[in-house]
Amino acid sequence: MSAPHPIPTHFSFHHEAMMTTFSLRICGKDESLIRGLACECIEMIDALERKLSRYHQGGEVYQINRMSAGETLHLSEESHECLLTAMEASIHTGGLFDPTLGTMIEHRKSELVGDLPQPAGKLVIHPDSPIVFCEEPGRVIDLGGIGKGFTLDQLGDFLRGWDVEGALLSAGASTHLAIGPESWPIDLTGDNHLHSVHLQDEALSASGTSIQGCHIVHPAEADENAMHQPEHHLSRIWAQSQSAALADAWSTALMLMTPEEIRQAPCTESMLNAVHIEEDDGFHYICA
């Protein structure tokens, strides 16, 4: 048996936001500098939560979801970039990740009775300028996990600018972003097996049904002719990407695929690096 992979020496910081606990593990010898950087990171987390949360009254996504027909809203650069990232992820996942199904997601999470409410409305996001235009009201954006992943990406860019020796940035236990040359051990806990991966300058995100139940909405359910909820073939899945936001989006999309479809997922350096799934004989690593 090989020796356990050591955790790099670091300073740890924790902060509650976006309905989870952010953990910042930052390497470095100058404790005063590291603590100052952590404070800056926490301020960034809170600022992004105000902008990206659909529940934060007065926030930008909150305002988008209440726009009237013909109305234009000017966005911050961060909100605009996150929305464009979400749209890009939707395209690359064949629409399986859809950030505009907020009404359906809320219905599923709240375990409300009756049919899922069908999405309505149309929003137009300008690709070059931070502007969103409402053609028809009713579309509800829920950035959810991708908002947390995007926040980790923003923190990573900030810390890279300070040339920190390395860091592991986490949004709860589900999404991690490692930056720098240090390698961080991450445990993947399945239903019957335990597996460990070493994360280095890369992101890892998990989606599943074991904690929040079947809260993931398949876009096909937006079809009023859909007869039933598509089946979840796996209870948990892990996706690796260079971006925490894209890892989040892909882990959601992969939950809606069959194992055969997962093995054919378009692994590319810029979008999806690898997938980990648990099967009867243990964990399987798909695509490199």
C-alpha atoms as a PDB file:
ATOM      1  CA  MET A   1       0.000   0.000   0.000  1.00  0.00           C
ATOM      2  CA  SER A   2       1.393   3.427  -0.950  1.00  0.00           C
ATOM      3  CA  ALA A   3       1.825   6.142   1.658  1.00  0.00           C
ATOM      4  CA  PRO A   4      -0.995   8.715   1.924  1.00  0.00           C
ATOM      5  CA  HIS A   5      -0.466  11.769  -0.233  1.00  0.00           C
ATOM      6  CA  PRO A   6       0.593  14.646   2.070  1.00  0.00           C
ATOM      7  CA  ILE A   7      -1.494  17.802   2.278  1.00  0.00           C
ATOM      8  CA  PRO A   8       0.609  20.875   1.425  1.00  0.00           C
ATOM      9  CA  THR A   9       1.453  23.206   4.297  1.00  0.00           C
ATOM     10  CA  HIS A  10      -1.066  26.038   4.269  1.00  0.00           C
ATOM     11  CA  PHE A  11      -3.198  28.533   6.189  1.00  0.00           C
ATOM     12  CA  SER A  12      -6.943  27.802   6.310  1.00  0.00           C
ATOM     13  CA  PHE A  13      -9.880  30.204   6.239  1.00  0.00           C
ATOM     14  CA  HIS A  14     -13.634  29.552   6.147  1.00  0.00           C
ATOM     15  CA  HIS A  15     -16.597  31.715   5.202  1.00  0.00           C
ATOM     16  CA  GLU A  16     -20.345  31.098   4.983  1.00  0.00           C
ATOM     17  CA  ALA A  17     -21.913  32.362   1.759  1.00  0.00           C
ATOM     18  CA  MET A  18     -24.094  31.188  -1.149  1.00  0.00           C
ATOM     19  CA  MET A  19     -25.738  28.647   1.164  1.00  0.00           C
ATOM     20  CA  THR A  20     -22.460  26.759   1.655  1.00  0.00           C
ATOM     21  CA  THR A  21     -19.084  27.035   3.391  1.00  0.00           C
ATOM     22  CA  PHE A  22     -16.190  28.356   1.348  1.00  0.00           C
ATOM     23  CA  SER A  23     -12.800  27.007   2.419  1.00  0.00           C
ATOM     24  CA  LEU A  24      -9.590  28.745   1.411  1.00  0.00           C
ATOM     25  CA  ARG A  25      -6.350  26.828   1.913  1.00  0.00           C
ATOM     26  CA  ILE A  26      -3.510  29.115   0.863  1.00  0.00           C
ATOM     27  CA  CYS A  27       0.183  28.223   0.846  1.00  0.00           C
ATOM     28  CA  GLY A  28       2.892  30.696   1.714  1.00  0.00           C
ATOM     29  CA  LYS A  29       5.404  31.699   4.342  1.00  0.00           C
ATOM     30  CA  ASP A  30       4.221  35.265   4.991  1.00  0.00           C
ATOM     31  CA  GLU A  31       1.247  34.736   7.300  1.00  0.00           C
ATOM     32  CA  SER A  32       0.368  38.431   7.369  1.00  0.00           C
ATOM     33  CA  LEU A  33       0.192  38.566   3.569  1.00  0.00           C
ATOM     34  CA  ILE A  34      -1.824  35.349   3.343  1.00  0.00           C
ATOM     35  CA  ARG A  35      -4.356  36.604   5.910  1.00  0.00           C
ATOM     36  CA  GLY A  36      -4.715  39.852   3.990  1.00  0.00           C
ATOM     37  CA  LEU A  37      -5.313  37.966   0.744  1.00  0.00           C
ATOM     38  CA  ALA A  38      -7.894  35.765   2.474  1.00  0.00           C
ATOM     39  CA  CYS A  39      -9.785  38.855   3.666  1.00  0.00           C
ATOM     40  CA  GLU A  40      -9.807  40.169   0.099  1.00  0.00           C
ATOM     41  CA  CYS A  41     -11.118  36.807  -1.114  1.00  0.00           C
ATOM     42  CA  ILE A  42     -13.936  36.828   1.442  1.00  0.00           C
ATOM     43  CA  GLU A  43     -14.969  40.326   0.362  1.00  0.00           C
ATOM     44  CA  MET A  44     -15.012  39.096  -3.252  1.00  0.00           C
ATOM     45  CA  ILE A  45     -17.206  36.125  -2.301  1.00  0.00           C
ATOM     46  CA  ASP A  46     -19.759  38.386  -0.597  1.00  0.00           C
ATOM     47  CA  ALA A  47     -19.770  40.858  -3.495  1.00  0.00           C
ATOM     48  CA  LEU A  48     -20.327  38.086  -6.035  1.00  0.00           C
ATOM     49  CA  GLU A  49     -23.102  36.546  -3.944  1.00  0.00           C
ATOM     50  CA  ARG A  50     -24.940  39.884  -3.983  1.00  0.00           C
ATOM     51  CA  LYS A  51     -24.642  40.014  -7.766  1.00  0.00           C
ATOM     52  CA  LEU A  52     -25.236  36.375  -8.743  1.00  0.00           C
ATOM     53  CA  SER A  53     -27.789  35.042  -6.247  1.00  0.00           C
ATOM     54  CA  ARG A  54     -31.366  34.950  -7.488  1.00  0.00           C
ATOM     55  CA  TYR A  55     -32.452  35.342  -3.856  1.00  0.00           C
ATOM     56  CA  HIS A  56     -30.478  38.488  -2.987  1.00  0.00           C
ATOM     57  CA  GLN A  57     -32.983  41.317  -3.216  1.00  0.00           C
ATOM     58  CA  GLY A  58     -31.644  44.058  -5.447  1.00  0.00           C
ATOM     59  CA  GLY A  59     -28.856  41.860  -6.858  1.00  0.00           C
ATOM     60  CA  GLU A  60     -28.314  41.697 -10.596  1.00  0.00           C
ATOM     61  CA  VAL A  61     -29.741  38.214 -11.193  1.00  0.00           C
ATOM     62  CA  TYR A  62     -32.645  39.116  -8.876  1.00  0.00           C
ATOM     63  CA  GLN A  63     -33.318  42.145 -11.121  1.00  0.00           C
ATOM     64  CA  ILE A  64     -32.969  40.140 -14.345  1.00  0.00           C
ATOM     65  CA  ASN A  65     -35.623  37.701 -13.156  1.00  0.00           C
ATOM     66  CA  ARG A  66     -38.071  40.589 -12.651  1.00  0.00           C
ATOM     67  CA  MET A  67     -37.518  42.505 -15.886  1.00  0.00           C
ATOM     68  CA  SER A  68     -40.419  43.710 -17.986  1.00  0.00           C
ATOM     69  CA  ALA A  69     -40.740  43.402 -21.738  1.00  0.00           C
ATOM     70  CA  GLY A  70     -38.568  45.940 -23.531  1.00  0.00           C
ATOM     71  CA  GLU A  71     -36.444  46.646 -20.462  1.00  0.00           C
ATOM     72  CA  THR A  72     -32.627  46.780 -20.592  1.00  0.00           C
ATOM     73  CA  LEU A  73     -30.373  46.172 -17.587  1.00  0.00           C
ATOM     74  CA  HIS A  74     -26.703  47.119 -17.390  1.00  0.00           C
ATOM     75  CA  LEU A  75     -24.623  44.504 -15.585  1.00  0.00           C
ATOM     76  CA  SER A  76     -21.290  44.364 -13.814  1.00  0.00           C
ATOM     77  CA  GLU A  77     -18.447  42.749 -15.726  1.00  0.00           C
ATOM     78  CA  GLU A  78     -18.536  39.790 -13.311  1.00  0.00           C
ATOM     79  CA  SER A  79     -22.253  39.068 -13.778  1.00  0.00           C
ATOM     80  CA  HIS A  80     -21.924  39.413 -17.528  1.00  0.00           C
ATOM     81  CA  GLU A  81     -18.950  37.022 -17.630  1.00  0.00           C
ATOM     82  CA  CYS A  82     -20.733  34.465 -15.441  1.00  0.00           C
ATOM     83  CA  LEU A  83     -23.841  34.533 -17.633  1.00  0.00           C
ATOM     84  CA  LEU A  84     -21.769  34.130 -20.801  1.00  0.00           C
ATOM     85  CA  THR A  85     -19.900  31.225 -19.181  1.00  0.00           C
ATOM     86  CA  ALA A  86     -23.248  29.613 -18.313  1.00  0.00           C
ATOM     87  CA  MET A  87     -24.483  30.066 -21.880  1.00  0.00           C
ATOM     88  CA  GLU A  88     -21.244  28.579 -23.247  1.00  0.00           C
ATOM     89  CA  ALA A  89     -21.606  25.603 -20.914  1.00  0.00           C
ATOM     90  CA  SER A  90     -25.186  25.102 -22.077  1.00  0.00           C
ATOM     91  CA  ILE A  91     -24.015  24.952 -25.694  1.00  0.00           C
ATOM     92  CA  HIS A  92     -21.171  22.526 -25.028  1.00  0.00           C
ATOM     93  CA  THR A  93     -23.356  20.199 -22.930  1.00  0.00           C
ATOM     94  CA  GLY A  94     -25.973  20.041 -25.659  1.00  0.00           C
ATOM     95  CA  GLY A  95     -28.404  21.992 -23.485  1.00  0.00           C
ATOM     96  CA  LEU A  96     -28.318  19.494 -20.597  1.00  0.00           C
ATOM     97  CA  PHE A  97     -27.016  22.284 -18.397  1.00  0.00           C
ATOM     98  CA  ASP A  98     -29.563  25.103 -18.574  1.00  0.00           C
ATOM     99  CA  PRO A  99     -29.272  28.122 -16.222  1.00  0.00           C
ATOM    100  CA  THR A 100     -32.716  29.465 -17.184  1.00  0.00           C
ATOM    101  CA  LEU A 101     -34.874  26.784 -15.542  1.00  0.00           C
ATOM    102  CA  GLY A 102     -35.082  28.511 -12.159  1.00  0.00           C
ATOM    103  CA  THR A 103     -38.846  28.102 -11.767  1.00  0.00           C
ATOM    104  CA  MET A 104     -38.657  24.373 -12.472  1.00  0.00           C
ATOM    105  CA  ILE A 105     -35.651  23.915 -10.170  1.00  0.00           C
ATOM    106  CA  GLU A 106     -37.436  25.684  -7.308  1.00  0.00           C
ATOM    107  CA  HIS A 107     -40.510  23.493  -7.819  1.00  0.00           C
ATOM    108  CA  ARG A 108     -38.388  20.332  -7.702  1.00  0.00           C
ATOM    109  CA  LYS A 109     -36.283  21.400  -4.681  1.00  0.00           C
ATOM    110  CA  SER A 110     -39.378  22.427  -2.708  1.00  0.00           C
ATOM    111  CA  GLU A 111     -41.080  19.099  -3.530  1.00  0.00           C
ATOM    112  CA  LEU A 112     -44.233  20.912  -4.591  1.00  0.00           C
ATOM    113  CA  VAL A 113     -47.154  18.898  -5.897  1.00  0.00           C
ATOM    114  CA  GLY A 114     -48.422  19.140  -9.434  1.00  0.00           C
ATOM    115  CA  ASP A 115     -46.732  19.407 -12.795  1.00  0.00           C
ATOM    116  CA  LEU A 116     -43.483  21.295 -13.192  1.00  0.00           C
ATOM    117  CA  PRO A 117     -44.133  24.894 -14.258  1.00  0.00           C
ATOM    118  CA  GLN A 118     -43.070  25.381 -17.841  1.00  0.00           C
ATOM    119  CA  PRO A 119     -40.448  28.044 -18.608  1.00  0.00           C
ATOM    120  CA  ALA A 120     -41.572  31.183 -20.376  1.00  0.00           C
ATOM    121  CA  GLY A 121     -40.076  34.434 -21.558  1.00  0.00           C
ATOM    122  CA  LYS A 122     -36.975  35.380 -23.509  1.00  0.00           C
ATOM    123  CA  LEU A 123     -33.804  37.192 -22.460  1.00  0.00           C
ATOM    124  CA  VAL A 124     -31.013  38.397 -24.726  1.00  0.00           C
ATOM    125  CA  ILE A 125     -27.484  38.743 -23.317  1.00  0.00           C
ATOM    126  CA  HIS A 126     -25.174  40.964 -25.348  1.00  0.00           C
ATOM    127  CA  PRO A 127     -21.992  38.997 -26.160  1.00  0.00           C
ATOM    128  CA  ASP A 128     -19.650  42.001 -26.034  1.00  0.00           C
ATOM    129  CA  SER A 129     -21.244  44.532 -23.684  1.00  0.00           C
ATOM    130  CA  PRO A 130     -22.516  43.892 -20.120  1.00  0.00           C
ATOM    131  CA  ILE A 131     -26.171  44.310 -21.050  1.00  0.00           C
ATOM    132  CA  VAL A 132     -29.213  42.047 -20.866  1.00  0.00           C
ATOM    133  CA  PHE A 133     -32.450  42.791 -22.741  1.00  0.00           C
ATOM    134  CA  CYS A 134     -35.865  41.327 -21.940  1.00  0.00           C
ATOM    135  CA  GLU A 135     -37.926  40.495 -25.016  1.00  0.00           C
ATOM    136  CA  GLU A 136     -40.580  38.676 -23.007  1.00  0.00           C
ATOM    137  CA  PRO A 137     -40.818  38.428 -19.193  1.00  0.00           C
ATOM    138  CA  GLY A 138     -40.964  35.161 -17.264  1.00  0.00           C
ATOM    139  CA  ARG A 139     -37.576  33.502 -17.737  1.00  0.00           C
ATOM    140  CA  VAL A 140     -35.923  32.790 -14.358  1.00  0.00           C
ATOM    141  CA  ILE A 141     -32.146  32.445 -14.149  1.00  0.00           C
ATOM    142  CA  ASP A 142     -30.686  30.210 -11.436  1.00  0.00           C
ATOM    143  CA  LEU A 143     -26.886  30.178 -11.563  1.00  0.00           C
ATOM    144  CA  GLY A 144     -26.744  27.807  -8.585  1.00  0.00           C
ATOM    145  CA  GLY A 145     -23.617  25.671  -8.661  1.00  0.00           C
ATOM    146  CA  ILE A 146     -22.022  27.422 -11.629  1.00  0.00           C
ATOM    147  CA  GLY A 147     -22.140  30.660  -9.646  1.00  0.00           C
ATOM    148  CA  LYS A 148     -20.104  29.038  -6.881  1.00  0.00           C
ATOM    149  CA  GLY A 149     -17.662  27.610  -9.409  1.00  0.00           C
ATOM    150  CA  PHE A 150     -17.366  30.980 -11.130  1.00  0.00           C
ATOM    151  CA  THR A 151     -16.603  32.552  -7.743  1.00  0.00           C
ATOM    152  CA  LEU A 152     -13.778  30.050  -7.189  1.00  0.00           C
ATOM    153  CA  ASP A 153     -12.393  30.899 -10.637  1.00  0.00           C
ATOM    154  CA  GLN A 154     -12.428  34.599  -9.759  1.00  0.00           C
ATOM    155  CA  LEU A 155     -10.612  33.926  -6.473  1.00  0.00           C
ATOM    156  CA  GLY A 156      -8.077  31.793  -8.321  1.00  0.00           C
ATOM    157  CA  ASP A 157      -7.337  34.573 -10.805  1.00  0.00           C
ATOM    158  CA  PHE A 158      -6.901  37.033  -7.936  1.00  0.00           C
ATOM    159  CA  LEU A 159      -4.492  34.798  -6.017  1.00  0.00           C
ATOM    160  CA  ARG A 160      -2.476  33.975  -9.133  1.00  0.00           C
ATOM    161  CA  GLY A 161      -1.886  37.707  -9.492  1.00  0.00           C
ATOM    162  CA  TRP A 162      -0.142  37.638  -6.117  1.00  0.00           C
ATOM    163  CA  ASP A 163       2.029  34.651  -7.064  1.00  0.00           C
ATOM    164  CA  VAL A 164       0.950  32.586  -4.067  1.00  0.00           C
ATOM    165  CA  GLU A 165       2.806  29.279  -3.722  1.00  0.00           C
ATOM    166  CA  GLY A 166      -0.421  27.311  -4.168  1.00  0.00           C
ATOM    167  CA  ALA A 167      -4.007  27.092  -2.945  1.00  0.00           C
ATOM    168  CA  LEU A 168      -7.031  24.827  -2.733  1.00  0.00           C
ATOM    169  CA  LEU A 169     -10.283  26.781  -2.918  1.00  0.00           C
ATOM    170  CA  SER A 170     -13.515  24.942  -2.136  1.00  0.00           C
ATOM    171  CA  ALA A 171     -17.245  25.694  -2.205  1.00  0.00           C
ATOM    172  CA  GLY A 172     -18.563  23.177   0.288  1.00  0.00           C
ATOM    173  CA  ALA A 173     -17.521  19.597  -0.334  1.00  0.00           C
ATOM    174  CA  SER A 174     -18.723  19.590  -3.931  1.00  0.00           C
ATOM    175  CA  THR A 175     -16.448  21.955  -5.874  1.00  0.00           C
ATOM    176  CA  HIS A 176     -12.678  22.446  -5.582  1.00  0.00           C
ATOM    177  CA  LEU A 177     -10.143  24.521  -7.494  1.00  0.00           C
ATOM    178  CA  ALA A 178      -6.412  23.905  -7.060  1.00  0.00           C
ATOM    179  CA  ILE A 179      -3.983  26.550  -8.274  1.00  0.00           C
ATOM    180  CA  GLY A 180      -0.199  26.485  -8.422  1.00  0.00           C
ATOM    181  CA  PRO A 181       2.255  23.584  -8.419  1.00  0.00           C
ATOM    182  CA  GLU A 182       1.001  21.926  -5.217  1.00  0.00           C
ATOM    183  CA  SER A 183      -0.995  18.689  -5.480  1.00  0.00           C
ATOM    184  CA  TRP A 184      -4.015  18.282  -3.175  1.00  0.00           C
ATOM    185  CA  PRO A 185      -5.625  14.928  -2.260  1.00  0.00           C
ATOM    186  CA  ILE A 186      -9.420  14.913  -2.667  1.00  0.00           C
ATOM    187  CA  ASP A 187     -11.529  11.965  -1.507  1.00  0.00           C
ATOM    188  CA  LEU A 188     -14.409  10.832  -3.706  1.00  0.00           C
ATOM    189  CA  THR A 189     -16.992   9.051  -1.578  1.00  0.00           C
ATOM    190  CA  GLY A 190     -19.362   6.803  -3.473  1.00  0.00           C
ATOM    191  CA  ASP A 191     -22.158   4.552  -2.301  1.00  0.00           C
ATOM    192  CA  ASN A 192     -19.860   1.543  -1.847  1.00  0.00           C
ATOM    193  CA  HIS A 193     -16.328   2.696  -2.656  1.00  0.00           C
ATOM    194  CA  LEU A 194     -13.844   5.403  -1.720  1.00  0.00           C
ATOM    195  CA  HIS A 195     -11.382   6.847  -4.207  1.00  0.00           C
ATOM    196  CA  SER A 196      -8.771   9.592  -3.935  1.00  0.00           C
ATOM    197  CA  VAL A 197      -7.606  11.949  -6.682  1.00  0.00           C
ATOM    198  CA  HIS A 198      -4.729  14.413  -6.661  1.00  0.00           C
ATOM    199  CA  LEU A 199      -5.820  17.824  -7.883  1.00  0.00           C
ATOM    200  CA  GLN A 200      -3.177  20.121  -9.348  1.00  0.00           C
ATOM    201  CA  ASP A 201      -3.931  23.382 -11.178  1.00  0.00           C
ATOM    202  CA  GLU A 202      -7.391  22.048 -12.033  1.00  0.00           C
ATOM    203  CA  ALA A 203     -10.979  22.003 -10.805  1.00  0.00           C
ATOM    204  CA  LEU A 204     -13.198  19.132  -9.642  1.00  0.00           C
ATOM    205  CA  SER A 205     -16.945  19.240  -9.069  1.00  0.00           C
ATOM    206  CA  ALA A 206     -19.474  16.669  -7.873  1.00  0.00           C
ATOM    207  CA  SER A 207     -23.201  16.358  -8.481  1.00  0.00           C
ATOM    208  CA  GLY A 208     -25.531  13.778  -7.041  1.00  0.00           C
ATOM    209  CA  THR A 209     -28.912  12.869  -5.644  1.00  0.00           C
ATOM    210  CA  SER A 210     -27.872  11.393  -2.288  1.00  0.00           C
ATOM    211  CA  ILE A 211     -27.874  14.711  -0.369  1.00  0.00           C
ATOM    212  CA  GLN A 212     -30.389  17.003  -2.087  1.00  0.00           C
ATOM    213  CA  GLY A 213     -32.483  14.295  -3.694  1.00  0.00           C
ATOM    214  CA  CYS A 214     -33.552  14.385  -7.348  1.00  0.00           C
ATOM    215  CA  HIS A 215     -33.288  18.178  -7.647  1.00  0.00           C
ATOM    216  CA  ILE A 216     -31.626  18.223 -11.060  1.00  0.00           C
ATOM    217  CA  VAL A 217     -34.054  19.158 -13.829  1.00  0.00           C
ATOM    218  CA  HIS A 218     -33.714  17.697 -17.302  1.00  0.00           C
ATOM    219  CA  PRO A 219     -34.398  20.347 -19.988  1.00  0.00           C
ATOM    220  CA  ALA A 220     -36.669  17.824 -21.727  1.00  0.00           C
ATOM    221  CA  GLU A 221     -39.047  18.272 -18.805  1.00  0.00           C
ATOM    222  CA  ALA A 222     -39.688  21.778 -20.129  1.00  0.00           C
ATOM    223  CA  ASP A 223     -41.547  20.057 -22.957  1.00  0.00           C
ATOM    224  CA  GLU A 224     -45.195  20.092 -21.976  1.00  0.00           C
ATOM    225  CA  ASN A 225     -45.575  16.772 -23.765  1.00  0.00           C
ATOM    226  CA  ALA A 226     -42.970  15.050 -21.564  1.00  0.00           C
ATOM    227  CA  MET A 227     -44.626  12.137 -19.804  1.00  0.00           C
ATOM    228  CA  HIS A 228     -42.233  11.553 -16.907  1.00  0.00           C
ATOM    229  CA  GLN A 229     -39.028  12.677 -15.257  1.00  0.00           C
ATOM    230  CA  PRO A 230     -35.919  11.276 -16.990  1.00  0.00           C
ATOM    231  CA  GLU A 231     -34.177   8.648 -14.913  1.00  0.00           C
ATOM    232  CA  HIS A 232     -30.953   9.330 -12.997  1.00  0.00           C
ATOM    233  CA  HIS A 233     -28.647   6.447 -13.890  1.00  0.00           C
ATOM    234  CA  LEU A 234     -25.996   7.338 -11.270  1.00  0.00           C
ATOM    235  CA  SER A 235     -26.333   8.676  -7.732  1.00  0.00           C
ATOM    236  CA  ARG A 236     -23.141  10.730  -7.903  1.00  0.00           C
ATOM    237  CA  ILE A 237     -20.589  11.846 -10.478  1.00  0.00           C
ATOM    238  CA  TRP A 238     -17.398  13.933 -10.535  1.00  0.00           C
ATOM    239  CA  ALA A 239     -16.137  16.147 -13.392  1.00  0.00           C
ATOM    240  CA  GLN A 240     -12.693  17.706 -13.820  1.00  0.00           C
ATOM    241  CA  SER A 241     -12.026  20.850 -15.846  1.00  0.00           C
ATOM    242  CA  GLN A 242      -9.570  23.742 -15.931  1.00  0.00           C
ATOM    243  CA  SER A 243     -12.471  25.940 -14.786  1.00  0.00           C
ATOM    244  CA  ALA A 244     -14.489  25.401 -11.603  1.00  0.00           C
ATOM    245  CA  ALA A 245     -17.538  26.944 -13.288  1.00  0.00           C
ATOM    246  CA  LEU A 246     -17.346  24.507 -16.205  1.00  0.00           C
ATOM    247  CA  ALA A 247     -16.676  21.577 -13.868  1.00  0.00           C
ATOM    248  CA  ASP A 248     -19.894  22.498 -12.036  1.00  0.00           C
ATOM    249  CA  ALA A 249     -21.902  22.737 -15.247  1.00  0.00           C
ATOM    250  CA  TRP A 250     -20.534  19.459 -16.603  1.00  0.00           C
ATOM    251  CA  SER A 251     -21.173  17.543 -13.374  1.00  0.00           C
ATOM    252  CA  THR A 252     -24.829  18.613 -13.603  1.00  0.00           C
ATOM    253  CA  ALA A 253     -25.103  17.670 -17.282  1.00  0.00           C
ATOM    254  CA  LEU A 254     -23.399  14.303 -16.790  1.00  0.00           C
ATOM    255  CA  MET A 255     -25.986  13.336 -14.168  1.00  0.00           C
ATOM    256  CA  LEU A 256     -28.556  13.413 -16.969  1.00  0.00           C
ATOM    257  CA  MET A 257     -26.614  11.053 -19.235  1.00  0.00           C
ATOM    258  CA  THR A 258     -26.505   7.278 -19.381  1.00  0.00           C
ATOM    259  CA  PRO A 259     -23.139   5.621 -18.614  1.00  0.00           C
ATOM    260  CA  GLU A 260     -22.766   4.979 -22.343  1.00  0.00           C
ATOM    261  CA  GLU A 261     -23.327   8.654 -23.148  1.00  0.00           C
ATOM    262  CA  ILE A 262     -20.879   9.681 -20.432  1.00  0.00           C
ATOM    263  CA  ARG A 263     -18.142   7.608 -22.042  1.00  0.00           C
ATOM    264  CA  GLN A 264     -18.717   9.543 -25.258  1.00  0.00           C
ATOM    265  CA  ALA A 265     -18.657  12.972 -23.564  1.00  0.00           C
ATOM    266  CA  PRO A 266     -16.538  15.478 -25.520  1.00  0.00           C
ATOM    267  CA  CYS A 267     -13.437  15.677 -23.341  1.00  0.00           C
ATOM    268  CA  THR A 268     -11.411  18.688 -24.442  1.00  0.00           C
ATOM    269  CA  GLU A 269      -8.662  20.575 -22.687  1.00  0.00           C
ATOM    270  CA  SER A 270     -10.724  23.745 -22.424  1.00  0.00           C
ATOM    271  CA  MET A 271     -14.031  22.205 -21.284  1.00  0.00           C
ATOM    272  CA  LEU A 272     -13.990  18.747 -19.690  1.00  0.00           C
ATOM    273  CA  ASN A 273     -10.779  17.001 -18.681  1.00  0.00           C
ATOM    274  CA  ALA A 274     -12.047  13.842 -17.010  1.00  0.00           C
ATOM    275  CA  VAL A 275     -15.034  12.128 -15.425  1.00  0.00           C
ATOM    276  CA  HIS A 276     -15.104   9.816 -12.388  1.00  0.00           C
ATOM    277  CA  ILE A 277     -18.024   7.447 -11.905  1.00  0.00           C
ATOM    278  CA  GLU A 278     -18.651   4.677  -9.402  1.00  0.00           C
ATOM    279  CA  GLU A 279     -19.748   1.281 -10.677  1.00  0.00           C
ATOM    280  CA  ASP A 280     -20.108  -2.103  -8.992  1.00  0.00           C
ATOM    281  CA  ASP A 281     -16.399  -2.926  -9.281  1.00  0.00           C
ATOM    282  CA  GLY A 282     -15.175   0.486  -8.070  1.00  0.00           C
ATOM    283  CA  PHE A 283     -14.364   3.866  -9.539  1.00  0.00           C
ATOM    284  CA  HIS A 284     -13.761   4.402 -13.236  1.00  0.00           C
ATOM    285  CA  TYR A 285     -11.770   7.255 -14.797  1.00  0.00           C
ATOM    286  CA  ILE A 286     -13.152   8.318 -18.159  1.00  0.00           C
ATOM    287  CA  CYS A 287     -11.184  10.296 -20.772  1.00  0.00           C
ATOM    288  CA  ALA A 288      -7.910  12.113 -20.233  1.00  0.00           C
END
